[in-house]
Protein backbone atom coordinates (compact mmCIF):
# COMPACT_ATOMS: atom_id res chain seq x y z
CA MET A 1 0.00 0.00 0.00
CA PRO A 2 1.59 3.26 -1.05
CA VAL A 3 1.81 6.10 1.43
CA PHE A 4 1.81 9.71 0.32
CA ALA A 5 3.34 12.54 2.32
CA LEU A 6 1.36 15.72 2.83
CA LYS A 7 4.52 17.82 2.48
CA PRO A 8 5.95 17.87 -1.07
CA GLY A 9 9.47 16.46 -1.28
CA TYR A 10 9.31 14.72 2.12
CA GLN A 11 11.88 11.95 2.39
CA GLY A 12 11.61 9.65 5.40
CA GLU A 13 13.50 6.55 6.30
CA ARG A 14 11.44 3.35 6.26
CA MET A 15 12.18 1.65 9.57
CA ASP A 16 10.36 -1.59 8.71
CA ARG A 17 12.76 -2.65 5.93
CA VAL A 18 13.78 -6.29 6.07
CA GLU A 19 17.40 -5.20 6.58
CA ASN A 20 16.42 -3.88 10.02
CA PHE A 21 15.34 -7.25 11.42
CA GLY A 22 18.65 -9.07 11.83
CA GLY A 23 18.04 -11.77 9.24
CA ASN A 24 14.39 -12.23 10.14
CA GLN A 25 11.35 -11.13 8.20
CA ILE A 26 8.03 -9.92 9.56
CA VAL A 27 5.19 -12.37 8.92
CA TYR A 28 1.59 -11.57 9.87
CA PHE A 29 -0.90 -14.24 11.01
CA GLY A 30 -4.67 -13.88 11.17
CA TRP A 31 -7.46 -16.27 12.13
CA ASP A 32 -10.54 -15.46 10.05
CA GLU A 33 -13.92 -15.13 11.81
CA HIS A 34 -12.29 -15.00 15.22
CA ARG A 35 -12.55 -11.36 16.15
CA MET A 36 -11.30 -11.84 19.67
CA PHE A 37 -8.09 -10.72 17.95
CA CYS A 38 -8.55 -7.22 16.55
CA ALA A 39 -5.81 -7.55 13.96
CA ALA A 40 -3.30 -9.96 12.52
CA LYS A 41 -0.31 -10.63 14.74
CA ALA A 42 3.23 -9.93 13.54
CA PHE A 43 6.26 -12.12 14.25
CA PRO A 44 9.90 -11.69 13.19
CA LEU A 45 10.75 -15.12 11.75
CA PRO A 46 13.77 -16.55 9.97
CA PRO A 47 13.06 -17.29 6.29
CA SER A 48 14.51 -20.78 6.85
CA MET A 49 11.88 -21.67 9.49
CA PRO A 50 9.85 -24.73 8.42
CA PHE A 51 6.09 -24.41 8.53
CA SER A 52 5.99 -27.16 11.15
CA ALA A 53 7.67 -24.72 13.58
CA VAL A 54 4.98 -22.16 12.78
CA MET A 55 2.35 -24.76 13.67
CA ASP A 56 4.13 -25.88 16.86
CA GLN A 57 5.40 -22.54 18.19
CA ILE A 58 3.98 -19.45 16.50
CA LEU A 59 0.27 -20.21 16.09
CA PRO A 60 -0.16 -21.43 19.69
CA GLU A 61 1.65 -18.33 20.95
CA ALA A 62 -0.57 -16.11 18.83
CA PHE A 63 -3.97 -17.70 19.30
CA SER A 64 -4.09 -20.30 22.09
CA GLN A 65 -5.84 -17.89 24.46
CA HIS A 66 -8.98 -18.25 22.31
CA PRO A 67 -11.27 -20.92 23.83
CA GLU A 68 -11.68 -22.65 20.43
CA PHE A 69 -7.99 -22.95 19.57
CA SER A 70 -7.68 -26.45 21.02
CA GLN A 71 -10.66 -27.56 18.89
CA ILE A 72 -9.08 -26.73 15.53
CA ASN A 73 -9.08 -29.58 13.05
CA TRP A 74 -5.86 -28.71 11.23
CA ASP A 75 -6.72 -31.16 8.43
CA THR A 76 -9.62 -28.97 7.31
CA VAL A 77 -8.06 -25.54 7.80
CA GLU A 78 -8.18 -23.30 4.72
CA TRP A 79 -5.03 -21.20 4.27
CA MET A 80 -4.36 -17.95 2.43
CA LEU A 81 -0.97 -16.40 1.72
CA ASN A 82 -1.17 -12.77 0.64
CA ASN A 83 -4.84 -13.22 -0.36
CA GLU A 84 -4.14 -16.30 -2.49
CA PRO A 85 -5.05 -19.91 -1.60
CA PHE A 86 -2.11 -21.62 0.05
CA LYS A 87 -1.31 -25.20 1.02
CA PRO A 88 1.55 -25.11 3.51
CA GLN A 89 4.14 -27.87 3.41
CA LEU A 90 5.21 -28.66 6.97
CA ASN A 91 8.86 -29.53 6.32
CA VAL A 92 9.54 -26.75 3.82
CA SER A 93 10.93 -23.34 4.76
CA LEU A 94 8.77 -20.24 4.74
CA GLU A 95 10.99 -18.70 2.06
CA ALA A 96 10.67 -21.74 -0.24
CA GLN A 97 6.87 -21.47 0.03
CA GLY A 98 6.80 -17.83 -1.07
CA VAL A 99 6.53 -16.27 2.39
CA ASP A 100 8.57 -13.09 2.45
CA HIS A 101 8.91 -9.87 4.45
CA LYS A 102 5.48 -8.58 5.51
CA SER A 103 3.58 -11.56 4.10
CA MET A 104 0.13 -12.21 5.55
CA ILE A 105 -0.88 -15.79 6.33
CA ARG A 106 -4.55 -16.20 7.20
CA PHE A 107 -6.37 -19.35 8.16
CA LYS A 108 -10.04 -20.23 8.35
CA THR A 109 -11.51 -23.05 10.41
CA PRO A 110 -14.69 -24.23 8.66
CA GLU A 111 -16.03 -26.04 11.73
CA LEU A 112 -15.42 -23.10 14.07
CA LYS A 113 -17.20 -19.79 13.51
CA GLY A 114 -15.87 -17.83 16.45
CA TYR A 115 -16.69 -18.12 20.13
CA ASN A 116 -20.17 -19.64 20.50
CA GLY A 117 -20.63 -19.30 16.73
CA LEU A 118 -20.69 -15.50 16.91
CA GLY A 119 -17.67 -14.82 14.76
CA VAL A 120 -15.79 -13.35 17.71
């Protein structure tokens, strides 16, 4: 998303460049229809991290406080990477699957529609 300055000729330094994260890249995670979380959560992750580590470490850290997290059927989860359908491969690195700096990974749980079915 482009940003336009109100002052003509303004030149600012972008502080969220990948070079500023010590070899990591920012990856955003969102759980669709679960509005207990107001926005996607950002994590600085190494590009070499396999998706299995995301499943084992990152997603529980991000979402386990939701009462439905333990009920997720991971076999039926629908994934999106940067608004495109995505089928993660557990033993493949994020980078090899097209996940780069500021990518957004969203998942939808067809059986779960938010706390008590309210989309929250």
